[in-house]
């Protein structure tokens, strides 16, 4: 139908030595879900 939905979040920048880097995230990663829950918007992330 041409609509768009959020199906994850693209990591665009990781601060060197920051918590995200220590957890193994890299620039370009797409975070798809956490504990099986799809990241479909900021309310879910929060």
ModelCIF file with pLDDT and N, C-alpha, C, O atoms, coordinates in Angstrom:
data_MODEL
#
_entry.id   MODEL 
#
_entity.id                         1 
_entity.type                       polymer 
_entity.pdbx_number_of_molecules   1 
#
_entity_poly.entity_id                      1 
_entity_poly.type                           'polypeptide(L)' 
_entity_poly.nstd_linkage                   no 
_entity_poly.nstd_monomer                   no 
_entity_poly.pdbx_seq_one_letter_code       
;(UNK)(UNK)(UNK)(UNK)(UNK)(UNK)(UNK)(UNK)(UNK)(UNK)(UNK)(UNK)(UNK)(UNK)(UNK)(UNK)
(UNK)(UNK)(UNK)(UNK)(UNK)(UNK)(UNK)(UNK)(UNK)(UNK)(UNK)(UNK)(UNK)(UNK)(UNK)(UNK)
(UNK)(UNK)(UNK)(UNK)(UNK)(UNK)(UNK)(UNK)(UNK)(UNK)(UNK)(UNK)(UNK)(UNK)
;
_entity_poly.pdbx_seq_one_letter_code_can   XXXXXXXXXXXXXXXXXXXXXXXXXXXXXXXXXXXXXXXXXXXXXX 
_entity_poly.pdbx_strand_id                 A 
#
loop_
_entity_poly_seq.entity_id 
_entity_poly_seq.num 
_entity_poly_seq.mon_id 
_entity_poly_seq.hetero 
1 1  UNK n 
1 2  UNK n 
1 3  UNK n 
1 4  UNK n 
1 5  UNK n 
1 6  UNK n 
1 7  UNK n 
1 8  UNK n 
1 9  UNK n 
1 10 UNK n 
1 11 UNK n 
1 12 UNK n 
1 13 UNK n 
1 14 UNK n 
1 15 UNK n 
1 16 UNK n 
1 17 UNK n 
1 18 UNK n 
1 19 UNK n 
1 20 UNK n 
1 21 UNK n 
1 22 UNK n 
1 23 UNK n 
1 24 UNK n 
1 25 UNK n 
1 26 UNK n 
1 27 UNK n 
1 28 UNK n 
1 29 UNK n 
1 30 UNK n 
1 31 UNK n 
1 32 UNK n 
1 33 UNK n 
1 34 UNK n 
1 35 UNK n 
1 36 UNK n 
1 37 UNK n 
1 38 UNK n 
1 39 UNK n 
1 40 UNK n 
1 41 UNK n 
1 42 UNK n 
1 43 UNK n 
1 44 UNK n 
1 45 UNK n 
1 46 UNK n 
#
_struct_asym.id          A 
_struct_asym.entity_id   1 
#
loop_
_ma_qa_metric.id 
_ma_qa_metric.mode 
_ma_qa_metric.name 
_ma_qa_metric.software_group_id 
_ma_qa_metric.type 
1 global pLDDT . pLDDT 
2 local  pLDDT . pLDDT 
#
_ma_qa_metric_global.metric_id      1 
_ma_qa_metric_global.metric_value   89.65 
_ma_qa_metric_global.model_id       1 
_ma_qa_metric_global.ordinal_id     1 
#
loop_
_ma_qa_metric_local.label_asym_id 
_ma_qa_metric_local.label_comp_id 
_ma_qa_metric_local.label_seq_id 
_ma_qa_metric_local.metric_id 
_ma_qa_metric_local.metric_value 
_ma_qa_metric_local.model_id 
_ma_qa_metric_local.ordinal_id 
A UNK 1  2 90.00 1 1  
A UNK 2  2 90.00 1 2  
A UNK 3  2 91.00 1 3  
A UNK 4  2 93.00 1 4  
A UNK 5  2 92.00 1 5  
A UNK 6  2 93.00 1 6  
A UNK 7  2 91.00 1 7  
A UNK 8  2 93.00 1 8  
A UNK 9  2 93.00 1 9  
A UNK 10 2 94.00 1 10 
A UNK 11 2 94.00 1 11 
A UNK 12 2 95.00 1 12 
A UNK 13 2 95.00 1 13 
A UNK 14 2 93.00 1 14 
A UNK 15 2 91.00 1 15 
A UNK 16 2 92.00 1 16 
A UNK 17 2 85.00 1 17 
A UNK 18 2 83.00 1 18 
A UNK 19 2 77.00 1 19 
A UNK 20 2 80.00 1 20 
A UNK 21 2 84.00 1 21 
A UNK 22 2 79.00 1 22 
A UNK 23 2 79.00 1 23 
A UNK 24 2 83.00 1 24 
A UNK 25 2 86.00 1 25 
A UNK 26 2 91.00 1 26 
A UNK 27 2 95.00 1 27 
A UNK 28 2 96.00 1 28 
A UNK 29 2 94.00 1 29 
A UNK 30 2 95.00 1 30 
A UNK 31 2 92.00 1 31 
A UNK 32 2 93.00 1 32 
A UNK 33 2 92.00 1 33 
A UNK 34 2 89.00 1 34 
A UNK 35 2 88.00 1 35 
A UNK 36 2 92.00 1 36 
A UNK 37 2 91.00 1 37 
A UNK 38 2 92.00 1 38 
A UNK 39 2 90.00 1 39 
A UNK 40 2 91.00 1 40 
A UNK 41 2 90.00 1 41 
A UNK 42 2 87.00 1 42 
A UNK 43 2 90.00 1 43 
A UNK 44 2 90.00 1 44 
A UNK 45 2 86.00 1 45 
A UNK 46 2 84.00 1 46 
#
loop_
_atom_site.group_PDB 
_atom_site.id 
_atom_site.type_symbol 
_atom_site.label_atom_id 
_atom_site.label_alt_id 
_atom_site.label_comp_id 
_atom_site.label_asym_id 
_atom_site.label_entity_id 
_atom_site.label_seq_id 
_atom_site.pdbx_PDB_ins_code 
_atom_site.Cartn_x 
_atom_site.Cartn_y 
_atom_site.Cartn_z 
_atom_site.occupancy 
_atom_site.B_iso_or_equiv 
_atom_site.pdbx_formal_charge 
_atom_site.auth_seq_id 
_atom_site.auth_comp_id 
_atom_site.auth_asym_id 
_atom_site.auth_atom_id 
_atom_site.pdbx_PDB_model_num 
ATOM 1   N N  . UNK A 1 1  ? 0.803  -1.208  0.000  1.00 90.00 ? 1  UNK A N  1 
ATOM 2   C CA . UNK A 1 1  ? 0.000  0.000   0.000  1.00 90.00 ? 1  UNK A CA 1 
ATOM 3   C C  . UNK A 1 1  ? 0.839  1.263   0.000  1.00 90.00 ? 1  UNK A C  1 
ATOM 4   O O  . UNK A 1 1  ? 0.301  2.370   -0.010 1.00 90.00 ? 1  UNK A O  1 
ATOM 5   N N  . UNK A 1 2  ? 2.161  1.103   0.011  1.00 90.00 ? 2  UNK A N  1 
ATOM 6   C CA . UNK A 1 2  ? 3.050  2.253   -0.072 1.00 90.00 ? 2  UNK A CA 1 
ATOM 7   C C  . UNK A 1 2  ? 3.390  2.918   1.249  1.00 90.00 ? 2  UNK A C  1 
ATOM 8   O O  . UNK A 1 2  ? 4.155  3.882   1.276  1.00 90.00 ? 2  UNK A O  1 
ATOM 9   N N  . UNK A 1 3  ? 2.835  2.421   2.343  1.00 91.00 ? 3  UNK A N  1 
ATOM 10  C CA . UNK A 1 3  ? 3.168  2.984   3.654  1.00 91.00 ? 3  UNK A CA 1 
ATOM 11  C C  . UNK A 1 3  ? 4.551  2.511   4.085  1.00 91.00 ? 3  UNK A C  1 
ATOM 12  O O  . UNK A 1 3  ? 5.072  1.513   3.588  1.00 91.00 ? 3  UNK A O  1 
ATOM 13  N N  . UNK A 1 4  ? 5.126  3.249   5.018  1.00 93.00 ? 4  UNK A N  1 
ATOM 14  C CA . UNK A 1 4  ? 6.423  2.856   5.568  1.00 93.00 ? 4  UNK A CA 1 
ATOM 15  C C  . UNK A 1 4  ? 6.273  2.612   7.061  1.00 93.00 ? 4  UNK A C  1 
ATOM 16  O O  . UNK A 1 4  ? 5.526  3.308   7.750  1.00 93.00 ? 4  UNK A O  1 
ATOM 17  N N  . UNK A 1 5  ? 7.004  1.603   7.550  1.00 92.00 ? 5  UNK A N  1 
ATOM 18  C CA . UNK A 1 5  ? 7.039  1.300   8.973  1.00 92.00 ? 5  UNK A CA 1 
ATOM 19  C C  . UNK A 1 5  ? 8.498  1.236   9.417  1.00 92.00 ? 5  UNK A C  1 
ATOM 20  O O  . UNK A 1 5  ? 9.390  0.934   8.625  1.00 92.00 ? 5  UNK A O  1 
ATOM 21  N N  . UNK A 1 6  ? 8.719  1.525   10.686 1.00 93.00 ? 6  UNK A N  1 
ATOM 22  C CA . UNK A 1 6  ? 10.066 1.404   11.255 1.00 93.00 ? 6  UNK A CA 1 
ATOM 23  C C  . UNK A 1 6  ? 10.309 -0.074  11.538 1.00 93.00 ? 6  UNK A C  1 
ATOM 24  O O  . UNK A 1 6  ? 9.479  -0.741  12.156 1.00 93.00 ? 6  UNK A O  1 
ATOM 25  N N  . UNK A 1 7  ? 11.449 -0.578  11.082 1.00 91.00 ? 7  UNK A N  1 
ATOM 26  C CA . UNK A 1 7  ? 11.785 -1.984  11.348 1.00 91.00 ? 7  UNK A CA 1 
ATOM 27  C C  . UNK A 1 7  ? 13.175 -2.113  11.941 1.00 91.00 ? 7  UNK A C  1 
ATOM 28  O O  . UNK A 1 7  ? 13.877 -3.091  11.682 1.00 91.00 ? 7  UNK A O  1 
ATOM 29  N N  . UNK A 1 8  ? 13.572 -1.138  12.730 1.00 93.00 ? 8  UNK A N  1 
ATOM 30  C CA . UNK A 1 8  ? 14.873 -1.174  13.391 1.00 93.00 ? 8  UNK A CA 1 
ATOM 31  C C  . UNK A 1 8  ? 15.497 0.207   13.384 1.00 93.00 ? 8  UNK A C  1 
ATOM 32  O O  . UNK A 1 8  ? 14.918 1.167   12.874 1.00 93.00 ? 8  UNK A O  1 
ATOM 33  N N  . UNK A 1 9  ? 16.682 0.289   13.955 1.00 93.00 ? 9  UNK A N  1 
ATOM 34  C CA . UNK A 1 9  ? 17.400 1.554   14.029 1.00 93.00 ? 9  UNK A CA 1 
ATOM 35  C C  . UNK A 1 9  ? 18.829 1.346   13.529 1.00 93.00 ? 9  UNK A C  1 
ATOM 36  O O  . UNK A 1 9  ? 19.523 0.424   13.958 1.00 93.00 ? 9  UNK A O  1 
ATOM 37  N N  . UNK A 1 10 ? 19.257 2.222   12.610 1.00 94.00 ? 10 UNK A N  1 
ATOM 38  C CA . UNK A 1 10 ? 20.600 2.170   12.040 1.00 94.00 ? 10 UNK A CA 1 
ATOM 39  C C  . UNK A 1 10 ? 21.526 2.999   12.923 1.00 94.00 ? 10 UNK A C  1 
ATOM 40  O O  . UNK A 1 10 ? 21.263 4.172   13.185 1.00 94.00 ? 10 UNK A O  1 
ATOM 41  N N  . UNK A 1 11 ? 22.602 2.384   13.376 1.00 94.00 ? 11 UNK A N  1 
ATOM 42  C CA . UNK A 1 11 ? 23.598 3.092   14.176 1.00 94.00 ? 11 UNK A CA 1 
ATOM 43  C C  . UNK A 1 11 ? 24.441 3.913   13.211 1.00 94.00 ? 11 UNK A C  1 
ATOM 44  O O  . UNK A 1 11 ? 25.138 3.365   12.356 1.00 94.00 ? 11 UNK A O  1 
ATOM 45  N N  . UNK A 1 12 ? 24.370 5.232   13.356 1.00 95.00 ? 12 UNK A N  1 
ATOM 46  C CA . UNK A 1 12 ? 25.074 6.119   12.428 1.00 95.00 ? 12 UNK A CA 1 
ATOM 47  C C  . UNK A 1 12 ? 26.400 6.610   12.977 1.00 95.00 ? 12 UNK A C  1 
ATOM 48  O O  . UNK A 1 12 ? 27.260 7.067   12.224 1.00 95.00 ? 12 UNK A O  1 
ATOM 49  N N  . UNK A 1 13 ? 26.565 6.517   14.288 1.00 95.00 ? 13 UNK A N  1 
ATOM 50  C CA . UNK A 1 13 ? 27.821 6.967   14.895 1.00 95.00 ? 13 UNK A CA 1 
ATOM 51  C C  . UNK A 1 13 ? 27.964 6.311   16.260 1.00 95.00 ? 13 UNK A C  1 
ATOM 52  O O  . UNK A 1 13 ? 27.004 6.236   17.027 1.00 95.00 ? 13 UNK A O  1 
ATOM 53  N N  . UNK A 1 14 ? 29.165 5.838   16.555 1.00 93.00 ? 14 UNK A N  1 
ATOM 54  C CA . UNK A 1 14 ? 29.479 5.261   17.857 1.00 93.00 ? 14 UNK A CA 1 
ATOM 55  C C  . UNK A 1 14 ? 30.651 6.044   18.426 1.00 93.00 ? 14 UNK A C  1 
ATOM 56  O O  . UNK A 1 14 ? 31.705 6.156   17.798 1.00 93.00 ? 14 UNK A O  1 
ATOM 57  N N  . UNK A 1 15 ? 30.454 6.580   19.618 1.00 91.00 ? 15 UNK A N  1 
ATOM 58  C CA . UNK A 1 15 ? 31.519 7.353   20.256 1.00 91.00 ? 15 UNK A CA 1 
ATOM 59  C C  . UNK A 1 15 ? 32.627 6.406   20.718 1.00 91.00 ? 15 UNK A C  1 
ATOM 60  O O  . UNK A 1 15 ? 32.353 5.430   21.416 1.00 91.00 ? 15 UNK A O  1 
ATOM 61  N N  . UNK A 1 16 ? 33.887 6.689   20.330 1.00 92.00 ? 16 UNK A N  1 
ATOM 62  C CA . UNK A 1 16 ? 35.000 5.829   20.763 1.00 92.00 ? 16 UNK A CA 1 
ATOM 63  C C  . UNK A 1 16 ? 35.042 5.724   22.287 1.00 92.00 ? 16 UNK A C  1 
ATOM 64  O O  . UNK A 1 16 ? 34.908 6.717   23.002 1.00 92.00 ? 16 UNK A O  1 
ATOM 65  N N  . UNK A 1 17 ? 35.230 4.511   22.755 1.00 85.00 ? 17 UNK A N  1 
ATOM 66  C CA . UNK A 1 17 ? 35.331 4.184   24.189 1.00 85.00 ? 17 UNK A CA 1 
ATOM 67  C C  . UNK A 1 17 ? 34.033 4.405   24.950 1.00 85.00 ? 17 UNK A C  1 
ATOM 68  O O  . UNK A 1 17 ? 34.028 4.338   26.179 1.00 85.00 ? 17 UNK A O  1 
ATOM 69  N N  . UNK A 1 18 ? 32.940 4.665   24.257 1.00 83.00 ? 18 UNK A N  1 
ATOM 70  C CA . UNK A 1 18 ? 31.650 4.852   24.914 1.00 83.00 ? 18 UNK A CA 1 
ATOM 71  C C  . UNK A 1 18 ? 30.992 3.516   25.223 1.00 83.00 ? 18 UNK A C  1 
ATOM 72  O O  . UNK A 1 18 ? 31.474 2.457   24.820 1.00 83.00 ? 18 UNK A O  1 
ATOM 73  N N  . UNK A 1 19 ? 29.886 3.589   25.945 1.00 77.00 ? 19 UNK A N  1 
ATOM 74  C CA . UNK A 1 19 ? 29.173 2.377   26.360 1.00 77.00 ? 19 UNK A CA 1 
ATOM 75  C C  . UNK A 1 19 ? 28.731 1.531   25.169 1.00 77.00 ? 19 UNK A C  1 
ATOM 76  O O  . UNK A 1 19 ? 28.832 0.305   25.213 1.00 77.00 ? 19 UNK A O  1 
ATOM 77  N N  . UNK A 1 20 ? 28.245 2.166   24.115 1.00 80.00 ? 20 UNK A N  1 
ATOM 78  C CA . UNK A 1 20 ? 27.787 1.404   22.942 1.00 80.00 ? 20 UNK A CA 1 
ATOM 79  C C  . UNK A 1 20 ? 28.945 0.641   22.304 1.00 80.00 ? 20 UNK A C  1 
ATOM 80  O O  . UNK A 1 20 ? 28.781 -0.510  21.900 1.00 80.00 ? 20 UNK A O  1 
ATOM 81  N N  . UNK A 1 21 ? 30.106 1.270   22.212 1.00 84.00 ? 21 UNK A N  1 
ATOM 82  C CA . UNK A 1 21 ? 31.271 0.568   21.661 1.00 84.00 ? 21 UNK A CA 1 
ATOM 83  C C  . UNK A 1 21 ? 31.684 -0.580  22.569 1.00 84.00 ? 21 UNK A C  1 
ATOM 84  O O  . UNK A 1 21 ? 32.031 -1.659  22.090 1.00 84.00 ? 21 UNK A O  1 
ATOM 85  N N  . UNK A 1 22 ? 31.650 -0.355  23.869 1.00 79.00 ? 22 UNK A N  1 
ATOM 86  C CA . UNK A 1 22 ? 32.012 -1.423  24.809 1.00 79.00 ? 22 UNK A CA 1 
ATOM 87  C C  . UNK A 1 22 ? 31.041 -2.594  24.717 1.00 79.00 ? 22 UNK A C  1 
ATOM 88  O O  . UNK A 1 22 ? 31.408 -3.735  24.999 1.00 79.00 ? 22 UNK A O  1 
ATOM 89  N N  . UNK A 1 23 ? 29.800 -2.309  24.321 1.00 79.00 ? 23 UNK A N  1 
ATOM 90  C CA . UNK A 1 23 ? 28.819 -3.377  24.143 1.00 79.00 ? 23 UNK A CA 1 
ATOM 91  C C  . UNK A 1 23 ? 28.927 -4.044  22.773 1.00 79.00 ? 23 UNK A C  1 
ATOM 92  O O  . UNK A 1 23 ? 28.205 -5.000  22.493 1.00 79.00 ? 23 UNK A O  1 
ATOM 93  N N  . UNK A 1 24 ? 29.816 -3.553  21.926 1.00 83.00 ? 24 UNK A N  1 
ATOM 94  C CA . UNK A 1 24 ? 30.071 -4.192  20.646 1.00 83.00 ? 24 UNK A CA 1 
ATOM 95  C C  . UNK A 1 24 ? 29.348 -3.595  19.457 1.00 83.00 ? 24 UNK A C  1 
ATOM 96  O O  . UNK A 1 24 ? 29.445 -4.134  18.355 1.00 83.00 ? 24 UNK A O  1 
ATOM 97  N N  . UNK A 1 25 ? 28.625 -2.499  19.643 1.00 86.00 ? 25 UNK A N  1 
ATOM 98  C CA . UNK A 1 25 ? 27.939 -1.886  18.503 1.00 86.00 ? 25 UNK A CA 1 
ATOM 99  C C  . UNK A 1 25 ? 28.927 -1.168  17.605 1.00 86.00 ? 25 UNK A C  1 
ATOM 100 O O  . UNK A 1 25 ? 29.925 -0.616  18.067 1.00 86.00 ? 25 UNK A O  1 
ATOM 101 N N  . UNK A 1 26 ? 28.631 -1.186  16.311 1.00 91.00 ? 26 UNK A N  1 
ATOM 102 C CA . UNK A 1 26 ? 29.483 -0.521  15.322 1.00 91.00 ? 26 UNK A CA 1 
ATOM 103 C C  . UNK A 1 26 ? 28.623 0.367   14.428 1.00 91.00 ? 26 UNK A C  1 
ATOM 104 O O  . UNK A 1 26 ? 27.433 0.119   14.235 1.00 91.00 ? 26 UNK A O  1 
ATOM 105 N N  . UNK A 1 27 ? 29.252 1.402   13.893 1.00 95.00 ? 27 UNK A N  1 
ATOM 106 C CA . UNK A 1 27 ? 28.574 2.248   12.925 1.00 95.00 ? 27 UNK A CA 1 
ATOM 107 C C  . UNK A 1 27 ? 28.127 1.366   11.758 1.00 95.00 ? 27 UNK A C  1 
ATOM 108 O O  . UNK A 1 27 ? 28.903 0.556   11.251 1.00 95.00 ? 27 UNK A O  1 
ATOM 109 N N  . UNK A 1 28 ? 26.881 1.530   11.343 1.00 96.00 ? 28 UNK A N  1 
ATOM 110 C CA . UNK A 1 28 ? 26.328 0.726   10.256 1.00 96.00 ? 28 UNK A CA 1 
ATOM 111 C C  . UNK A 1 28 ? 25.475 -0.433  10.738 1.00 96.00 ? 28 UNK A C  1 
ATOM 112 O O  . UNK A 1 28 ? 24.691 -0.979  9.961  1.00 96.00 ? 28 UNK A O  1 
ATOM 113 N N  . UNK A 1 29 ? 25.607 -0.824  11.999 1.00 94.00 ? 29 UNK A N  1 
ATOM 114 C CA . UNK A 1 29 ? 24.750 -1.882  12.534 1.00 94.00 ? 29 UNK A CA 1 
ATOM 115 C C  . UNK A 1 29 ? 23.298 -1.433  12.492 1.00 94.00 ? 29 UNK A C  1 
ATOM 116 O O  . UNK A 1 29 ? 22.998 -0.250  12.651 1.00 94.00 ? 29 UNK A O  1 
ATOM 117 N N  . UNK A 1 30 ? 22.409 -2.377  12.279 1.00 95.00 ? 30 UNK A N  1 
ATOM 118 C CA . UNK A 1 30 ? 20.977 -2.112  12.375 1.00 95.00 ? 30 UNK A CA 1 
ATOM 119 C C  . UNK A 1 30 ? 20.469 -2.935  13.553 1.00 95.00 ? 30 UNK A C  1 
ATOM 120 O O  . UNK A 1 30 ? 20.513 -4.165  13.527 1.00 95.00 ? 30 UNK A O  1 
ATOM 121 N N  . UNK A 1 31 ? 19.991 -2.250  14.580 1.00 92.00 ? 31 UNK A N  1 
ATOM 122 C CA . UNK A 1 31 ? 19.435 -2.934  15.743 1.00 92.00 ? 31 UNK A CA 1 
ATOM 123 C C  . UNK A 1 31 ? 17.990 -3.274  15.390 1.00 92.00 ? 31 UNK A C  1 
ATOM 124 O O  . UNK A 1 31 ? 17.154 -2.388  15.213 1.00 92.00 ? 31 UNK A O  1 
ATOM 125 N N  . UNK A 1 32 ? 17.713 -4.575  15.290 1.00 93.00 ? 32 UNK A N  1 
ATOM 126 C CA . UNK A 1 32 ? 16.400 -5.030  14.846 1.00 93.00 ? 32 UNK A CA 1 
ATOM 127 C C  . UNK A 1 32 ? 15.435 -5.268  15.997 1.00 93.00 ? 32 UNK A C  1 
ATOM 128 O O  . UNK A 1 32 ? 14.276 -4.856  15.947 1.00 93.00 ? 32 UNK A O  1 
ATOM 129 N N  . UNK A 1 33 ? 15.927 -5.942  17.039 1.00 92.00 ? 33 UNK A N  1 
ATOM 130 C CA . UNK A 1 33 ? 15.044 -6.203  18.172 1.00 92.00 ? 33 UNK A CA 1 
ATOM 131 C C  . UNK A 1 33 ? 15.850 -6.390  19.442 1.00 92.00 ? 33 UNK A C  1 
ATOM 132 O O  . UNK A 1 33 ? 17.057 -6.633  19.416 1.00 92.00 ? 33 UNK A O  1 
ATOM 133 N N  . UNK A 1 34 ? 15.142 -6.268  20.556 1.00 89.00 ? 34 UNK A N  1 
ATOM 134 C CA . UNK A 1 34 ? 15.712 -6.480  21.880 1.00 89.00 ? 34 UNK A CA 1 
ATOM 135 C C  . UNK A 1 34 ? 14.777 -7.438  22.605 1.00 89.00 ? 34 UNK A C  1 
ATOM 136 O O  . UNK A 1 34 ? 13.586 -7.167  22.757 1.00 89.00 ? 34 UNK A O  1 
ATOM 137 N N  . UNK A 1 35 ? 15.329 -8.557  23.050 1.00 88.00 ? 35 UNK A N  1 
ATOM 138 C CA . UNK A 1 35 ? 14.533 -9.601  23.706 1.00 88.00 ? 35 UNK A CA 1 
ATOM 139 C C  . UNK A 1 35 ? 13.317 -9.998  22.867 1.00 88.00 ? 35 UNK A C  1 
ATOM 140 O O  . UNK A 1 35 ? 12.233 -10.244 23.396 1.00 88.00 ? 35 UNK A O  1 
ATOM 141 N N  . UNK A 1 36 ? 13.519 -10.053 21.565 1.00 92.00 ? 36 UNK A N  1 
ATOM 142 C CA . UNK A 1 36 ? 12.466 -10.489 20.659 1.00 92.00 ? 36 UNK A CA 1 
ATOM 143 C C  . UNK A 1 36 ? 11.429 -9.435  20.328 1.00 92.00 ? 36 UNK A C  1 
ATOM 144 O O  . UNK A 1 36 ? 10.506 -9.698  19.558 1.00 92.00 ? 36 UNK A O  1 
ATOM 145 N N  . UNK A 1 37 ? 11.565 -8.242  20.896 1.00 91.00 ? 37 UNK A N  1 
ATOM 146 C CA . UNK A 1 37 ? 10.604 -7.177  20.631 1.00 91.00 ? 37 UNK A CA 1 
ATOM 147 C C  . UNK A 1 37 ? 11.171 -6.256  19.555 1.00 91.00 ? 37 UNK A C  1 
ATOM 148 O O  . UNK A 1 37 ? 12.203 -5.614  19.752 1.00 91.00 ? 37 UNK A O  1 
ATOM 149 N N  . UNK A 1 38 ? 10.487 -6.201  18.423 1.00 92.00 ? 38 UNK A N  1 
ATOM 150 C CA . UNK A 1 38 ? 10.924 -5.405  17.284 1.00 92.00 ? 38 UNK A CA 1 
ATOM 151 C C  . UNK A 1 38 ? 10.972 -3.931  17.676 1.00 92.00 ? 38 UNK A C  1 
ATOM 152 O O  . UNK A 1 38 ? 10.055 -3.420  18.318 1.00 92.00 ? 38 UNK A O  1 
ATOM 153 N N  . UNK A 1 39 ? 12.037 -3.264  17.288 1.00 90.00 ? 39 UNK A N  1 
ATOM 154 C CA . UNK A 1 39 ? 12.169 -1.833  17.561 1.00 90.00 ? 39 UNK A CA 1 
ATOM 155 C C  . UNK A 1 39 ? 11.401 -1.082  16.476 1.00 90.00 ? 39 UNK A C  1 
ATOM 156 O O  . UNK A 1 39 ? 11.942 -0.750  15.422 1.00 90.00 ? 39 UNK A O  1 
ATOM 157 N N  . UNK A 1 40 ? 10.135 -0.827  16.762 1.00 91.00 ? 40 UNK A N  1 
ATOM 158 C CA . UNK A 1 40 ? 9.250  -0.228  15.771 1.00 91.00 ? 40 UNK A CA 1 
ATOM 159 C C  . UNK A 1 40 ? 8.944  1.237   16.043 1.00 91.00 ? 40 UNK A C  1 
ATOM 160 O O  . UNK A 1 40 ? 8.054  1.811   15.415 1.00 91.00 ? 40 UNK A O  1 
ATOM 161 N N  . UNK A 1 41 ? 9.667  1.843   16.965 1.00 90.00 ? 41 UNK A N  1 
ATOM 162 C CA . UNK A 1 41 ? 9.470  3.261   17.246 1.00 90.00 ? 41 UNK A CA 1 
ATOM 163 C C  . UNK A 1 41 ? 10.053 3.639   18.593 1.00 90.00 ? 41 UNK A C  1 
ATOM 164 O O  . UNK A 1 41 ? 10.431 2.775   19.385 1.00 90.00 ? 41 UNK A O  1 
ATOM 165 N N  . UNK A 1 42 ? 10.123 4.934   18.846 1.00 87.00 ? 42 UNK A N  1 
ATOM 166 C CA . UNK A 1 42 ? 10.705 5.424   20.089 1.00 87.00 ? 42 UNK A CA 1 
ATOM 167 C C  . UNK A 1 42 ? 9.937  4.979   21.334 1.00 87.00 ? 42 UNK A C  1 
ATOM 168 O O  . UNK A 1 42 ? 10.577 4.722   22.354 1.00 87.00 ? 42 UNK A O  1 
ATOM 169 N N  . UNK A 1 43 ? 8.617  4.871   21.315 1.00 90.00 ? 43 UNK A N  1 
ATOM 170 C CA . UNK A 1 43 ? 7.938  4.372   22.519 1.00 90.00 ? 43 UNK A CA 1 
ATOM 171 C C  . UNK A 1 43 ? 8.431  2.978   22.931 1.00 90.00 ? 43 UNK A C  1 
ATOM 172 O O  . UNK A 1 43 ? 8.600  2.706   24.120 1.00 90.00 ? 43 UNK A O  1 
ATOM 173 N N  . UNK A 1 44 ? 8.656  2.109   21.962 1.00 90.00 ? 44 UNK A N  1 
ATOM 174 C CA . UNK A 1 44 ? 9.168  0.769   22.262 1.00 90.00 ? 44 UNK A CA 1 
ATOM 175 C C  . UNK A 1 44 ? 10.578 0.855   22.820 1.00 90.00 ? 44 UNK A C  1 
ATOM 176 O O  . UNK A 1 44 ? 10.898 0.192   23.806 1.00 90.00 ? 44 UNK A O  1 
ATOM 177 N N  . UNK A 1 45 ? 11.423 1.669   22.195 1.00 86.00 ? 45 UNK A N  1 
ATOM 178 C CA . UNK A 1 45 ? 12.812 1.821   22.665 1.00 86.00 ? 45 UNK A CA 1 
ATOM 179 C C  . UNK A 1 45 ? 12.819 2.340   24.099 1.00 86.00 ? 45 UNK A C  1 
ATOM 180 O O  . UNK A 1 45 ? 13.547 1.815   24.942 1.00 86.00 ? 45 UNK A O  1 
ATOM 181 N N  . UNK A 1 46 ? 12.027 3.353   24.380 1.00 84.00 ? 46 UNK A N  1 
ATOM 182 C CA . UNK A 1 46 ? 11.981 3.939   25.723 1.00 84.00 ? 46 UNK A CA 1 
ATOM 183 C C  . UNK A 1 46 ? 11.510 2.915   26.750 1.00 84.00 ? 46 UNK A C  1 
ATOM 184 O O  . UNK A 1 46 ? 11.410 3.231   27.936 1.00 84.00 ? 46 UNK A O  1 
#
